[in-house]
Amino acid sequence: MIDRNFHRAYEYCSPAYRALFSPKQFAAKFGLTKLAWESVTVHTIHKESDVAAKVEIQLFAKAYVPDTEQSLPVSTIFSESWVRSEDQWWYVPSN
């Protein structure tokens, strides 16, 4: 995501998500944003079961001001869903 390589990031999505959404649809969720990811840190992991977890990610980014070339540093914490399937953890994007 930092490199804006959305097709590579798509490969981390769960098989169930990939069965419903194409790489192009996934990229569209992030490609139009005026937010440039700079770094991420795993803040906390809440294991809900052996096959499900909520992961809080702290994102550091630059937010670009509309109609200008200016950017502002931003930091936020958000929650991601992850599932375990076939001994591998997969990201489940929210729709």
Protein backbone atom coordinates (compact mmCIF):
# COMPACT_ATOMS: atom_id res chain seq x y z
CA MET A 1 0.00 0.00 0.00
CA ILE A 2 2.91 2.36 0.70
CA ASP A 3 4.20 1.77 -2.82
CA ARG A 4 0.63 2.07 -4.17
CA ASN A 5 1.05 -1.41 -5.68
CA PHE A 6 -2.61 -2.31 -5.23
CA HIS A 7 -2.39 -5.47 -7.33
CA ARG A 8 0.29 -6.83 -4.98
CA ALA A 9 -1.72 -5.80 -1.91
CA TYR A 10 -4.74 -7.60 -3.42
CA GLU A 11 -2.85 -10.88 -3.10
CA TYR A 12 -3.17 -10.59 0.71
CA CYS A 13 -6.98 -10.48 0.46
CA SER A 14 -8.91 -13.55 1.48
CA PRO A 15 -9.81 -16.08 -1.22
CA ALA A 16 -13.50 -15.37 -0.55
CA TYR A 17 -12.97 -11.65 -1.17
CA ARG A 18 -10.98 -12.33 -4.35
CA ALA A 19 -13.81 -14.57 -5.59
CA LEU A 20 -16.17 -11.58 -5.42
CA PHE A 21 -13.95 -8.61 -6.31
CA SER A 22 -11.36 -8.13 -9.04
CA PRO A 23 -7.95 -6.53 -8.53
CA LYS A 24 -9.28 -3.51 -10.42
CA GLN A 25 -12.20 -3.14 -7.98
CA PHE A 26 -9.85 -3.44 -5.01
CA ALA A 27 -7.46 -0.84 -6.47
CA ALA A 28 -10.36 1.54 -7.11
CA LYS A 29 -11.03 1.68 -3.37
CA PHE A 30 -7.58 3.16 -2.75
CA GLY A 31 -6.27 4.54 -6.02
CA LEU A 32 -8.38 7.69 -6.15
CA THR A 33 -7.62 8.85 -2.63
CA LYS A 34 -5.45 11.88 -1.96
CA LEU A 35 -3.71 10.02 0.84
CA ALA A 36 -0.13 8.81 0.50
CA TRP A 37 0.76 6.08 2.98
CA GLU A 38 4.20 6.57 4.52
CA SER A 39 4.36 3.86 7.19
CA VAL A 40 2.19 1.52 9.20
CA THR A 41 2.58 -0.11 12.57
CA VAL A 42 0.58 -2.95 14.05
CA HIS A 43 -0.94 -1.35 17.13
CA THR A 44 -2.83 -4.32 18.64
CA ILE A 45 -4.08 -7.75 17.63
CA HIS A 46 -7.38 -8.99 19.04
CA LYS A 47 -7.66 -12.69 18.28
CA GLU A 48 -11.38 -13.46 18.24
CA SER A 49 -10.97 -17.17 17.54
CA ASP A 50 -8.49 -19.56 15.93
CA VAL A 51 -9.64 -18.32 12.52
CA ALA A 52 -10.51 -14.63 13.03
CA ALA A 53 -8.73 -11.55 14.31
CA LYS A 54 -9.12 -7.79 14.42
CA VAL A 55 -5.87 -5.95 13.90
CA GLU A 56 -5.52 -2.29 14.79
CA ILE A 57 -3.12 -0.55 12.43
CA GLN A 58 -1.57 2.86 13.01
CA LEU A 59 -1.18 4.64 9.70
CA PHE A 60 1.14 7.57 9.09
CA ALA A 61 0.42 9.35 5.84
CA LYS A 62 0.31 12.60 3.93
CA ALA A 63 -3.12 13.99 3.10
CA TYR A 64 -3.13 16.22 0.05
CA VAL A 65 -5.22 19.37 0.24
CA PRO A 66 -7.74 19.45 -2.65
CA ASP A 67 -6.84 21.73 -5.56
CA THR A 68 -3.35 22.39 -4.19
CA GLU A 69 0.03 20.71 -4.09
CA GLN A 70 0.15 21.02 -0.30
CA SER A 71 0.04 18.06 2.05
CA LEU A 72 -0.51 17.62 5.76
CA PRO A 73 0.89 14.83 7.93
CA VAL A 74 -1.82 12.63 9.43
CA SER A 75 -1.86 9.67 11.74
CA THR A 76 -4.80 7.43 12.55
CA ILE A 77 -5.53 4.03 14.00
CA PHE A 78 -8.02 1.80 12.22
CA SER A 79 -9.20 -1.78 12.53
CA GLU A 80 -8.76 -4.50 9.91
CA SER A 81 -10.36 -7.94 9.82
CA TRP A 82 -8.18 -10.98 9.14
CA VAL A 83 -9.19 -14.63 8.73
CA ARG A 84 -7.20 -17.83 8.81
CA SER A 85 -7.71 -20.33 6.03
CA GLU A 86 -5.49 -23.26 5.03
CA ASP A 87 -2.87 -22.27 7.66
CA GLN A 88 -2.52 -18.74 6.29
CA TRP A 89 -3.86 -15.38 7.48
CA TRP A 90 -5.76 -13.27 4.94
CA TYR A 91 -6.93 -9.65 4.97
CA VAL A 92 -10.69 -9.08 4.62
CA PRO A 93 -11.34 -5.59 3.22
CA SER A 94 -14.47 -3.78 4.33
CA ASN A 95 -16.88 -2.83 1.58
